[in-house]
Amino acid sequence: MNNDNNSRLVYSTDSGRIDEPKAKVERPKGDGIVRIQRQTSGRKGKGVCLISGLDLDDAALDKLAAELKKKCGCGGSVKEGVIEIQGDKRDLLKQLLEVAGYKVKLAGG
């Protein structure tokens, strides 16, 4: 067997496929300001609002995203600590987050 640093065991006849544990990626801490940005790149012209800078754990982030989607009447998701809300609803999102007690800035153009 090769003792190279790049080689790793991916299959064993003893136990089958070997899955390596994934390292938990820690999100960087925000500066206390929630930023709402509109983005269309890579989405075939469809715009989404990205909400970043929230210092919440995954469960609380999912709960906040569900509440925002319900109040905006649209879809969305949570990816890598960033809430994505479909459509250009920055003003409504800003109002909702300010009522929830966050300091909000509209980022980008």
PDB file of N, CA and C in Angstrom:
ATOM      1  N   MET A   1       0.839  -1.182   0.000  1.00  0.00           N
ATOM      2  CA  MET A   1       0.000   0.000   0.000  1.00  0.00           C
ATOM      3  C   MET A   1       0.881   1.241   0.000  1.00  0.00           C
ATOM      4  N   ASN A   2       0.404   2.293  -0.603  1.00  0.00           N
ATOM      5  CA  ASN A   2       1.129   3.539  -0.741  1.00  0.00           C
ATOM      6  C   ASN A   2       1.026   4.358   0.551  1.00  0.00           C
ATOM      7  N   ASN A   3       2.151   4.807   1.110  1.00  0.00           N
ATOM      8  CA  ASN A   3       2.158   5.595   2.339  1.00  0.00           C
ATOM      9  C   ASN A   3       2.223   7.084   2.041  1.00  0.00           C
ATOM     10  N   ASP A   4       1.469   7.515   1.064  1.00  0.00           N
ATOM     11  CA  ASP A   4       1.432   8.918   0.649  1.00  0.00           C
ATOM     12  C   ASP A   4       0.436   9.676   1.519  1.00  0.00           C
ATOM     13  N   ASN A   5       0.697  10.957   1.792  1.00  0.00           N
ATOM     14  CA  ASN A   5      -0.226  11.780   2.582  1.00  0.00           C
ATOM     15  C   ASN A   5      -1.546  12.011   1.867  1.00  0.00           C
ATOM     16  N   ASN A   6      -1.551  11.939   0.542  1.00  0.00           N
ATOM     17  CA  ASN A   6      -2.772  12.156  -0.230  1.00  0.00           C
ATOM     18  C   ASN A   6      -3.643  10.909  -0.325  1.00  0.00           C
ATOM     19  N   SER A   7      -3.129   9.752  -0.001  1.00  0.00           N
ATOM     20  CA  SER A   7      -3.916   8.526  -0.140  1.00  0.00           C
ATOM     21  C   SER A   7      -4.761   8.314   1.109  1.00  0.00           C
ATOM     22  N   ARG A   8      -5.947   7.783   0.913  1.00  0.00           N
ATOM     23  CA  ARG A   8      -6.830   7.465   2.031  1.00  0.00           C
ATOM     24  C   ARG A   8      -7.661   6.253   1.661  1.00  0.00           C
ATOM     25  N   LEU A   9      -8.119   5.540   2.648  1.00  0.00           N
ATOM     26  CA  LEU A   9      -8.928   4.355   2.446  1.00  0.00           C
ATOM     27  C   LEU A   9     -10.357   4.773   2.137  1.00  0.00           C
ATOM     28  N   VAL A  10     -10.908   4.355   0.997  1.00  0.00           N
ATOM     29  CA  VAL A  10     -12.279   4.714   0.640  1.00  0.00           C
ATOM     30  C   VAL A  10     -13.202   3.511   0.637  1.00  0.00           C
ATOM     31  N   TYR A  11     -12.631   2.299   0.563  1.00  0.00           N
ATOM     32  CA  TYR A  11     -13.468   1.108   0.565  1.00  0.00           C
ATOM     33  C   TYR A  11     -12.699  -0.025   1.209  1.00  0.00           C
ATOM     34  N   SER A  12     -13.356  -0.778   2.016  1.00  0.00           N
ATOM     35  CA  SER A  12     -12.734  -1.922   2.659  1.00  0.00           C
ATOM     36  C   SER A  12     -13.647  -3.124   2.479  1.00  0.00           C
ATOM     37  N   THR A  13     -13.074  -4.278   2.212  1.00  0.00           N
ATOM     38  CA  THR A  13     -13.890  -5.489   2.070  1.00  0.00           C
ATOM     39  C   THR A  13     -14.418  -5.927   3.416  1.00  0.00           C
ATOM     40  N   ASP A  14     -13.841  -5.400   4.470  1.00  0.00           N
ATOM     41  CA  ASP A  14     -14.270  -5.734   5.818  1.00  0.00           C
ATOM     42  C   ASP A  14     -15.578  -5.044   6.193  1.00  0.00           C
ATOM     43  N   SER A  15     -15.645  -3.707   5.950  1.00  0.00           N
ATOM     44  CA  SER A  15     -16.801  -2.953   6.429  1.00  0.00           C
ATOM     45  C   SER A  15     -17.526  -2.173   5.341  1.00  0.00           C
ATOM     46  N   GLY A  16     -17.083  -2.263   4.083  1.00  0.00           N
ATOM     47  CA  GLY A  16     -17.756  -1.551   3.006  1.00  0.00           C
ATOM     48  C   GLY A  16     -17.190  -0.159   2.823  1.00  0.00           C
ATOM     49  N   ARG A  17     -18.034   0.744   2.342  1.00  0.00           N
ATOM     50  CA  ARG A  17     -17.585   2.106   2.054  1.00  0.00           C
ATOM     51  C   ARG A  17     -17.244   2.829   3.350  1.00  0.00           C
ATOM     52  N   ILE A  18     -16.125   3.534   3.346  1.00  0.00           N
ATOM     53  CA  ILE A  18     -15.645   4.260   4.516  1.00  0.00           C
ATOM     54  C   ILE A  18     -15.969   5.742   4.334  1.00  0.00           C
ATOM     55  N   ASP A  19     -16.761   6.295   5.238  1.00  0.00           N
ATOM     56  CA  ASP A  19     -17.097   7.716   5.200  1.00  0.00           C
ATOM     57  C   ASP A  19     -16.269   8.438   6.249  1.00  0.00           C
ATOM     58  N   GLU A  20     -15.555   9.468   5.814  1.00  0.00           N
ATOM     59  CA  GLU A  20     -14.785  10.271   6.752  1.00  0.00           C
ATOM     60  C   GLU A  20     -15.710  11.269   7.417  1.00  0.00           C
ATOM     61  N   PRO A  21     -15.536  11.504   8.708  1.00  0.00           N
ATOM     62  CA  PRO A  21     -16.383  12.508   9.370  1.00  0.00           C
ATOM     63  C   PRO A  21     -16.080  13.896   8.821  1.00  0.00           C
ATOM     64  N   LYS A  22     -17.150  14.642   8.575  1.00  0.00           N
ATOM     65  CA  LYS A  22     -16.996  15.987   8.029  1.00  0.00           C
ATOM     66  C   LYS A  22     -16.696  16.961   9.158  1.00  0.00           C
ATOM     67  N   ALA A  23     -15.740  17.826   8.909  1.00  0.00           N
ATOM     68  CA  ALA A  23     -15.393  18.830   9.910  1.00  0.00           C
ATOM     69  C   ALA A  23     -16.495  19.887   9.950  1.00  0.00           C
ATOM     70  N   LYS A  24     -16.896  20.264  11.150  1.00  0.00           N
ATOM     71  CA  LYS A  24     -17.938  21.267  11.289  1.00  0.00           C
ATOM     72  C   LYS A  24     -17.336  22.632  10.976  1.00  0.00           C
ATOM     73  N   VAL A  25     -17.930  23.317  10.023  1.00  0.00           N
ATOM     74  CA  VAL A  25     -17.437  24.629   9.626  1.00  0.00           C
ATOM     75  C   VAL A  25     -18.042  25.668  10.554  1.00  0.00           C
ATOM     76  N   GLU A  26     -17.189  26.445  11.193  1.00  0.00           N
ATOM     77  CA  GLU A  26     -17.666  27.470  12.107  1.00  0.00           C
ATOM     78  C   GLU A  26     -17.839  28.780  11.351  1.00  0.00           C
ATOM     79  N   ARG A  27     -19.019  29.356  11.467  1.00  0.00           N
ATOM     80  CA  ARG A  27     -19.300  30.609  10.784  1.00  0.00           C
ATOM     81  C   ARG A  27     -18.601  31.755  11.501  1.00  0.00           C
ATOM     82  N   PRO A  28     -18.137  32.732  10.744  1.00  0.00           N
ATOM     83  CA  PRO A  28     -17.510  33.888  11.398  1.00  0.00           C
ATOM     84  C   PRO A  28     -18.558  34.713  12.133  1.00  0.00           C
ATOM     85  N   LYS A  29     -18.164  35.269  13.250  1.00  0.00           N
ATOM     86  CA  LYS A  29     -19.067  36.110  14.034  1.00  0.00           C
ATOM     87  C   LYS A  29     -19.289  37.434  13.318  1.00  0.00           C
ATOM     88  N   GLY A  30     -20.509  37.917  13.372  1.00  0.00           N
ATOM     89  CA  GLY A  30     -20.836  39.178  12.731  1.00  0.00           C
ATOM     90  C   GLY A  30     -20.432  40.367  13.576  1.00  0.00           C
ATOM     91  N   ASP A  31     -20.656  41.547  13.054  1.00  0.00           N
ATOM     92  CA  ASP A  31     -20.321  42.774  13.770  1.00  0.00           C
ATOM     93  C   ASP A  31     -21.558  43.400  14.414  1.00  0.00           C
ATOM     94  N   GLY A  32     -22.636  42.647  14.511  1.00  0.00           N
ATOM     95  CA  GLY A  32     -23.851  43.152  15.131  1.00  0.00           C
ATOM     96  C   GLY A  32     -24.801  43.818  14.159  1.00  0.00           C
ATOM     97  N   ILE A  33     -24.430  43.865  12.874  1.00  0.00           N
ATOM     98  CA  ILE A  33     -25.277  44.491  11.867  1.00  0.00           C
ATOM     99  C   ILE A  33     -25.753  43.417  10.889  1.00  0.00           C
ATOM    100  N   VAL A  34     -27.051  43.334  10.693  1.00  0.00           N
ATOM    101  CA  VAL A  34     -27.629  42.399   9.743  1.00  0.00           C
ATOM    102  C   VAL A  34     -27.671  43.091   8.387  1.00  0.00           C
ATOM    103  N   ARG A  35     -27.143  42.438   7.360  1.00  0.00           N
ATOM    104  CA  ARG A  35     -27.101  43.028   6.022  1.00  0.00           C
ATOM    105  C   ARG A  35     -28.043  42.287   5.089  1.00  0.00           C
ATOM    106  N   ILE A  36     -28.816  43.059   4.324  1.00  0.00           N
ATOM    107  CA  ILE A  36     -29.733  42.502   3.340  1.00  0.00           C
ATOM    108  C   ILE A  36     -29.224  42.914   1.963  1.00  0.00           C
ATOM    109  N   GLN A  37     -28.958  41.924   1.128  1.00  0.00           N
ATOM    110  CA  GLN A  37     -28.374  42.163  -0.189  1.00  0.00           C
ATOM    111  C   GLN A  37     -29.235  41.485  -1.241  1.00  0.00           C
ATOM    112  N   ARG A  38     -29.405  42.129  -2.385  1.00  0.00           N
ATOM    113  CA  ARG A  38     -30.138  41.535  -3.511  1.00  0.00           C
ATOM    114  C   ARG A  38     -29.127  40.917  -4.452  1.00  0.00           C
ATOM    115  N   GLN A  39     -29.426  39.688  -4.917  1.00  0.00           N
ATOM    116  CA  GLN A  39     -28.495  38.989  -5.803  1.00  0.00           C
ATOM    117  C   GLN A  39     -29.259  38.262  -6.903  1.00  0.00           C
ATOM    118  N   THR A  40     -28.717  38.326  -8.126  1.00  0.00           N
ATOM    119  CA  THR A  40     -29.318  37.601  -9.247  1.00  0.00           C
ATOM    120  C   THR A  40     -28.313  36.686  -9.928  1.00  0.00           C
ATOM    121  N   SER A  41     -27.031  36.805  -9.600  1.00  0.00           N
ATOM    122  CA  SER A  41     -26.012  36.044 -10.318  1.00  0.00           C
ATOM    123  C   SER A  41     -26.163  34.543 -10.073  1.00  0.00           C
ATOM    124  N   GLY A  42     -26.104  33.783 -11.159  1.00  0.00           N
ATOM    125  CA  GLY A  42     -26.222  32.337 -11.075  1.00  0.00           C
ATOM    126  C   GLY A  42     -27.628  31.841 -10.836  1.00  0.00           C
ATOM    127  N   ARG A  43     -28.618  32.694 -11.018  1.00  0.00           N
ATOM    128  CA  ARG A  43     -30.012  32.315 -10.749  1.00  0.00           C
ATOM    129  C   ARG A  43     -30.914  32.558 -11.947  1.00  0.00           C
ATOM    130  N   LYS A  44     -30.316  32.651 -13.122  1.00  0.00           N
ATOM    131  CA  LYS A  44     -31.051  32.851 -14.378  1.00  0.00           C
ATOM    132  C   LYS A  44     -31.934  34.093 -14.324  1.00  0.00           C
ATOM    133  N   GLY A  45     -31.413  35.168 -13.753  1.00  0.00           N
ATOM    134  CA  GLY A  45     -32.136  36.430 -13.721  1.00  0.00           C
ATOM    135  C   GLY A  45     -33.131  36.577 -12.597  1.00  0.00           C
ATOM    136  N   LYS A  46     -33.395  35.522 -11.861  1.00  0.00           N
ATOM    137  CA  LYS A  46     -34.337  35.591 -10.752  1.00  0.00           C
ATOM    138  C   LYS A  46     -33.622  36.157  -9.530  1.00  0.00           C
ATOM    139  N   GLY A  47     -34.198  37.139  -8.899  1.00  0.00           N
ATOM    140  CA  GLY A  47     -33.559  37.796  -7.772  1.00  0.00           C
ATOM    141  C   GLY A  47     -33.916  37.152  -6.448  1.00  0.00           C
ATOM    142  N   VAL A  48     -32.960  37.167  -5.528  1.00  0.00           N
ATOM    143  CA  VAL A  48     -33.195  36.734  -4.155  1.00  0.00           C
ATOM    144  C   VAL A  48     -32.581  37.768  -3.231  1.00  0.00           C
ATOM    145  N   CYS A  49     -33.072  37.815  -2.016  1.00  0.00           N
ATOM    146  CA  CYS A  49     -32.501  38.665  -0.981  1.00  0.00           C
ATOM    147  C   CYS A  49     -31.701  37.786  -0.037  1.00  0.00           C
ATOM    148  N   LEU A  50     -30.442  38.148   0.182  1.00  0.00           N
ATOM    149  CA  LEU A  50     -29.567  37.416   1.082  1.00  0.00           C
ATOM    150  C   LEU A  50     -29.471  38.175   2.399  1.00  0.00           C
ATOM    151  N   ILE A  51     -29.775  37.491   3.489  1.00  0.00           N
ATOM    152  CA  ILE A  51     -29.709  38.102   4.817  1.00  0.00           C
ATOM    153  C   ILE A  51     -28.538  37.463   5.547  1.00  0.00           C
ATOM    154  N   SER A  52     -27.511  38.252   5.825  1.00  0.00           N
ATOM    155  CA  SER A  52     -26.318  37.729   6.486  1.00  0.00           C
ATOM    156  C   SER A  52     -25.999  38.559   7.715  1.00  0.00           C
ATOM    157  N   GLY A  53     -25.114  38.037   8.561  1.00  0.00           N
ATOM    158  CA  GLY A  53     -24.691  38.743   9.759  1.00  0.00           C
ATOM    159  C   GLY A  53     -25.490  38.399  10.994  1.00  0.00           C
ATOM    160  N   LEU A  54     -26.305  37.349  10.921  1.00  0.00           N
ATOM    161  CA  LEU A  54     -27.085  36.927  12.081  1.00  0.00           C
ATOM    162  C   LEU A  54     -26.254  35.955  12.913  1.00  0.00           C
ATOM    163  N   ASP A  55     -26.068  36.270  14.203  1.00  0.00           N
ATOM    164  CA  ASP A  55     -25.318  35.390  15.099  1.00  0.00           C
ATOM    165  C   ASP A  55     -26.280  34.443  15.808  1.00  0.00           C
ATOM    166  N   LEU A  56     -26.870  33.533  15.043  1.00  0.00           N
ATOM    167  CA  LEU A  56     -27.822  32.569  15.584  1.00  0.00           C
ATOM    168  C   LEU A  56     -27.347  31.161  15.255  1.00  0.00           C
ATOM    169  N   ASP A  57     -27.779  30.193  16.068  1.00  0.00           N
ATOM    170  CA  ASP A  57     -27.472  28.805  15.734  1.00  0.00           C
ATOM    171  C   ASP A  57     -28.418  28.342  14.622  1.00  0.00           C
ATOM    172  N   ASP A  58     -28.173  27.145  14.102  1.00  0.00           N
ATOM    173  CA  ASP A  58     -28.914  26.670  12.933  1.00  0.00           C
ATOM    174  C   ASP A  58     -30.416  26.558  13.192  1.00  0.00           C
ATOM    175  N   ALA A  59     -30.805  26.085  14.368  1.00  0.00           N
ATOM    176  CA  ALA A  59     -32.236  25.930  14.665  1.00  0.00           C
ATOM    177  C   ALA A  59     -32.935  27.283  14.708  1.00  0.00           C
ATOM    178  N   ALA A  60     -32.324  28.256  15.363  1.00  0.00           N
ATOM    179  CA  ALA A  60     -32.929  29.589  15.453  1.00  0.00           C
ATOM    180  C   ALA A  60     -32.947  30.268  14.087  1.00  0.00           C
ATOM    181  N   LEU A  61     -31.910  30.006  13.278  1.00  0.00           N
ATOM    182  CA  LEU A  61     -31.850  30.581  11.932  1.00  0.00           C
ATOM    183  C   LEU A  61     -32.971  30.017  11.063  1.00  0.00           C
ATOM    184  N   ASP A  62     -33.216  28.701  11.161  1.00  0.00           N
ATOM    185  CA  ASP A  62     -34.315  28.070  10.413  1.00  0.00           C
ATOM    186  C   ASP A  62     -35.664  28.626  10.850  1.00  0.00           C
ATOM    187  N   LYS A  63     -35.831  28.838  12.154  1.00  0.00           N
ATOM    188  CA  LYS A  63     -37.098  29.360  12.672  1.00  0.00           C
ATOM    189  C   LYS A  63     -37.338  30.787  12.175  1.00  0.00           C
ATOM    190  N   LEU A  64     -36.283  31.624  12.205  1.00  0.00           N
ATOM    191  CA  LEU A  64     -36.405  32.998  11.717  1.00  0.00           C
ATOM    192  C   LEU A  64     -36.691  33.024  10.221  1.00  0.00           C
ATOM    193  N   ALA A  65     -36.026  32.152   9.464  1.00  0.00           N
ATOM    194  CA  ALA A  65     -36.252  32.085   8.019  1.00  0.00           C
ATOM    195  C   ALA A  65     -37.695  31.690   7.720  1.00  0.00           C
ATOM    196  N   ALA A  66     -38.224  30.723   8.453  1.00  0.00           N
ATOM    197  CA  ALA A  66     -39.612  30.292   8.240  1.00  0.00           C
ATOM    198  C   ALA A  66     -40.580  31.430   8.526  1.00  0.00           C
ATOM    199  N   GLU A  67     -40.312  32.191   9.586  1.00  0.00           N
ATOM    200  CA  GLU A  67     -41.184  33.320   9.927  1.00  0.00           C
ATOM    201  C   GLU A  67     -41.128  34.408   8.849  1.00  0.00           C
ATOM    202  N   LEU A  68     -39.918  34.711   8.351  1.00  0.00           N
ATOM    203  CA  LEU A  68     -39.778  35.730   7.311  1.00  0.00           C
ATOM    204  C   LEU A  68     -40.447  35.294   6.015  1.00  0.00           C
ATOM    205  N   LYS A  69     -40.306  34.024   5.655  1.00  0.00           N
ATOM    206  CA  LYS A  69     -40.938  33.518   4.429  1.00  0.00           C
ATOM    207  C   LYS A  69     -42.450  33.601   4.532  1.00  0.00           C
ATOM    208  N   LYS A  70     -42.971  33.288   5.703  1.00  0.00           N
ATOM    209  CA  LYS A  70     -44.420  33.331   5.895  1.00  0.00           C
ATOM    210  C   LYS A  70     -44.942  34.761   5.785  1.00  0.00           C
ATOM    211  N   LYS A  71     -44.245  35.721   6.411  1.00  0.00           N
ATOM    212  CA  LYS A  71     -44.701  37.108   6.396  1.00  0.00           C
ATOM    213  C   LYS A  71     -44.518  37.759   5.030  1.00  0.00           C
ATOM    214  N   CYS A  72     -43.522  37.293   4.251  1.00  0.00           N
ATOM    215  CA  CYS A  72     -43.313  37.840   2.903  1.00  0.00           C
ATOM    216  C   CYS A  72     -44.169  37.129   1.863  1.00  0.00           C
ATOM    217  N   GLY A  73     -44.666  35.957   2.195  1.00  0.00           N
ATOM    218  CA  GLY A  73     -45.484  35.203   1.247  1.00  0.00           C
ATOM    219  C   GLY A  73     -44.683  34.652   0.087  1.00  0.00           C
ATOM    220  N   CYS A  74     -43.475  34.179   0.368  1.00  0.00           N
ATOM    221  CA  CYS A  74     -42.628  33.649  -0.699  1.00  0.00           C
ATOM    222  C   CYS A  74     -41.758  32.524  -0.146  1.00  0.00           C
ATOM    223  N   GLY A  75     -40.969  31.929  -1.031  1.00  0.00           N
ATOM    224  CA  GLY A  75     -40.098  30.834  -0.642  1.00  0.00           C
ATOM    225  C   GLY A  75     -38.724  31.323  -0.262  1.00  0.00           C
ATOM    226  N   GLY A  76     -37.886  30.365   0.097  1.00  0.00           N
ATOM    227  CA  GLY A  76     -36.516  30.686   0.454  1.00  0.00           C
ATOM    228  C   GLY A  76     -35.843  29.497   1.109  1.00  0.00           C
ATOM    229  N   SER A  77     -34.615  29.711   1.567  1.00  0.00           N
ATOM    230  CA  SER A  77     -33.871  28.635   2.216  1.00  0.00           C
ATOM    231  C   SER A  77     -32.780  29.239   3.094  1.00  0.00           C
ATOM    232  N   VAL A  78     -32.098  28.355   3.833  1.00  0.00           N
ATOM    233  CA  VAL A  78     -30.950  28.748   4.646  1.00  0.00           C
ATOM    234  C   VAL A  78     -29.757  27.953   4.152  1.00  0.00           C
ATOM    235  N   LYS A  79     -28.707  28.661   3.735  1.00  0.00           N
ATOM    236  CA  LYS A  79     -27.501  28.007   3.237  1.00  0.00           C
ATOM    237  C   LYS A  79     -26.289  28.628   3.893  1.00  0.00           C
ATOM    238  N   GLU A  80     -25.527  27.832   4.619  1.00  0.00           N
ATOM    239  CA  GLU A  80     -24.269  28.246   5.239  1.00  0.00           C
ATOM    240  C   GLU A  80     -24.419  29.503   6.095  1.00  0.00           C
ATOM    241  N   GLY A  81     -25.476  29.560   6.880  1.00  0.00           N
ATOM    242  CA  GLY A  81     -25.670  30.687   7.778  1.00  0.00           C
ATOM    243  C   GLY A  81     -26.250  31.931   7.143  1.00  0.00           C
ATOM    244  N   VAL A  82     -26.656  31.846   5.871  1.00  0.00           N
ATOM    245  CA  VAL A  82     -27.244  32.982   5.163  1.00  0.00           C
ATOM    246  C   VAL A  82     -28.672  32.616   4.777  1.00  0.00           C
ATOM    247  N   ILE A  83     -29.620  33.485   5.101  1.00  0.00           N
ATOM    248  CA  ILE A  83     -31.019  33.257   4.731  1.00  0.00           C
ATOM    249  C   ILE A  83     -31.246  33.814   3.340  1.00  0.00           C
ATOM    250  N   GLU A  84     -31.826  33.003   2.460  1.00  0.00           N
ATOM    251  CA  GLU A  84     -32.169  33.438   1.105  1.00  0.00           C
ATOM    252  C   GLU A  84     -33.683  33.516   0.995  1.00  0.00           C
ATOM    253  N   ILE A  85     -34.190  34.686   0.643  1.00  0.00           N
ATOM    254  CA  ILE A  85     -35.628  34.908   0.448  1.00  0.00           C
ATOM    255  C   ILE A  85     -35.845  35.241  -1.016  1.00  0.00           C
ATOM    256  N   GLN A  86     -36.771  34.544  -1.667  1.00  0.00           N
ATOM    257  CA  GLN A  86     -37.006  34.754  -3.089  1.00  0.00           C
ATOM    258  C   GLN A  86     -37.704  36.082  -3.332  1.00  0.00           C
ATOM    259  N   GLY A  87     -37.289  36.759  -4.397  1.00  0.00           N
ATOM    260  CA  GLY A  87     -37.899  38.028  -4.779  1.00  0.00           C
ATOM    261  C   GLY A  87     -37.175  39.213  -4.157  1.00  0.00           C
ATOM    262  N   ASP A  88     -37.529  40.406  -4.615  1.00  0.00           N
ATOM    263  CA  ASP A  88     -36.922  41.632  -4.103  1.00  0.00           C
ATOM    264  C   ASP A  88     -37.827  42.218  -3.030  1.00  0.00           C
ATOM    265  N   LYS A  89     -37.633  41.803  -1.797  1.00  0.00           N
ATOM    266  CA  LYS A  89     -38.464  42.235  -0.676  1.00  0.00           C
ATOM    267  C   LYS A  89     -37.600  42.867   0.408  1.00  0.00           C
ATOM    268  N   ARG A  90     -36.580  43.617  -0.004  1.00  0.00           N
ATOM    269  CA  ARG A  90     -35.626  44.174   0.962  1.00  0.00           C
ATOM    270  C   ARG A  90     -36.275  45.117   1.957  1.00  0.00           C
ATOM    271  N   ASP A  91     -37.173  45.985   1.498  1.00  0.00           N
ATOM    272  CA  ASP A  91     -37.790  46.958   2.403  1.00  0.00           C
ATOM    273  C   ASP A  91     -38.660  46.271   3.453  1.00  0.00           C
ATOM    274  N   LEU A  92     -39.443  45.288   3.037  1.00  0.00           N
ATOM    275  CA  LEU A  92     -40.285  44.547   3.965  1.00  0.00           C
ATOM    276  C   LEU A  92     -39.420  43.750   4.948  1.00  0.00           C
ATOM    277  N   LEU A  93     -38.356  43.124   4.458  1.00  0.00           N
ATOM    278  CA  LEU A  93     -37.466  42.359   5.326  1.00  0.00           C
ATOM    279  C   LEU A  93     -36.791  43.277   6.342  1.00  0.00           C
ATOM    280  N   LYS A  94     -36.406  44.461   5.908  1.00  0.00           N
ATOM    281  CA  LYS A  94     -35.772  45.411   6.815  1.00  0.00           C
ATOM    282  C   LYS A  94     -36.733  45.789   7.939  1.00  0.00           C
ATOM    283  N   GLN A  95     -37.981  46.068   7.598  1.00  0.00           N
ATOM    284  CA  GLN A  95     -38.978  46.421   8.613  1.00  0.00           C
ATOM    285  C   GLN A  95     -39.179  45.273   9.601  1.00  0.00           C
ATOM    286  N   LEU A  96     -39.316  44.058   9.081  1.00  0.00           N
ATOM    287  CA  LEU A  96     -39.564  42.901   9.938  1.00  0.00           C
ATOM    288  C   LEU A  96     -38.398  42.639  10.882  1.00  0.00           C
ATOM    289  N   LEU A  97     -37.176  42.755  10.376  1.00  0.00           N
ATOM    290  CA  LEU A  97     -36.003  42.497  11.217  1.00  0.00           C
ATOM    291  C   LEU A  97     -35.787  43.608  12.245  1.00  0.00           C
ATOM    292  N   GLU A  98     -36.116  44.861  11.894  1.00  0.00           N
ATOM    293  CA  GLU A  98     -35.990  45.946  12.860  1.00  0.00           C
ATOM    294  C   GLU A  98     -37.007  45.801  13.984  1.00  0.00           C
ATOM    295  N   VAL A  99     -38.208  45.328  13.649  1.00  0.00           N
ATOM    296  CA  VAL A  99     -39.223  45.078  14.679  1.00  0.00           C
ATOM    297  C   VAL A  99     -38.748  43.959  15.609  1.00  0.00           C
ATOM    298  N   ALA A 100     -38.006  42.974  15.057  1.00  0.00           N
ATOM    299  CA  ALA A 100     -37.491  41.874  15.870  1.00  0.00           C
ATOM    300  C   ALA A 100     -36.281  42.299  16.698  1.00  0.00           C
ATOM    301  N   GLY A 101     -35.791  43.536  16.531  1.00  0.00           N
ATOM    302  CA  GLY A 101     -34.730  44.033  17.384  1.00  0.00           C
ATOM    303  C   GLY A 101     -33.341  43.990  16.784  1.00  0.00           C
ATOM    304  N   TYR A 102     -33.212  43.792  15.496  1.00  0.00           N
ATOM    305  CA  TYR A 102     -31.900  43.747  14.840  1.00  0.00           C
ATOM    306  C   TYR A 102     -31.575  45.103  14.237  1.00  0.00           C
ATOM    307  N   LYS A 103     -30.273  45.421  14.174  1.00  0.00           N
ATOM    308  CA  LYS A 103     -29.805  46.605  13.477  1.00  0.00           C
ATOM    309  C   LYS A 103     -29.547  46.192  12.029  1.00  0.00           C
ATOM    310  N   VAL A 104     -30.234  46.812  11.077  1.00  0.00           N
ATOM    311  CA  VAL A 104     -30.253  46.344   9.685  1.00  0.00           C
ATOM    312  C   VAL A 104     -29.713  47.401   8.752  1.00  0.00           C
ATOM    313  N   LYS A 105     -28.922  46.936   7.759  1.00  0.00           N
ATOM    314  CA  LYS A 105     -28.446  47.797   6.679  1.00  0.00           C
ATOM    315  C   LYS A 105     -28.769  47.127   5.349  1.00  0.00           C
ATOM    316  N   LEU A 106     -29.132  47.939   4.361  1.00  0.00           N
ATOM    317  CA  LEU A 106     -29.301  47.436   3.006  1.00  0.00           C
ATOM    318  C   LEU A 106     -27.929  47.498   2.333  1.00  0.00           C
ATOM    319  N   ALA A 107     -27.428  46.352   1.890  1.00  0.00           N
ATOM    320  CA  ALA A 107     -26.099  46.285   1.287  1.00  0.00           C
ATOM    321  C   ALA A 107     -26.211  46.129  -0.220  1.00  0.00           C
ATOM    322  N   GLY A 108     -25.202  46.555  -0.926  1.00  0.00           N
ATOM    323  CA  GLY A 108     -25.193  46.395  -2.375  1.00  0.00           C
ATOM    324  C   GLY A 108     -26.036  47.450  -3.069  1.00  0.00           C
ATOM    325  N   GLY A 109     -26.254  47.217  -4.387  1.00  0.00           N
ATOM    326  CA  GLY A 109     -26.990  48.198  -5.188  1.00  0.00           C
ATOM    327  C   GLY A 109     -28.377  47.904  -5.228  1.00  0.00           C
TER     328      GLY A 109
END
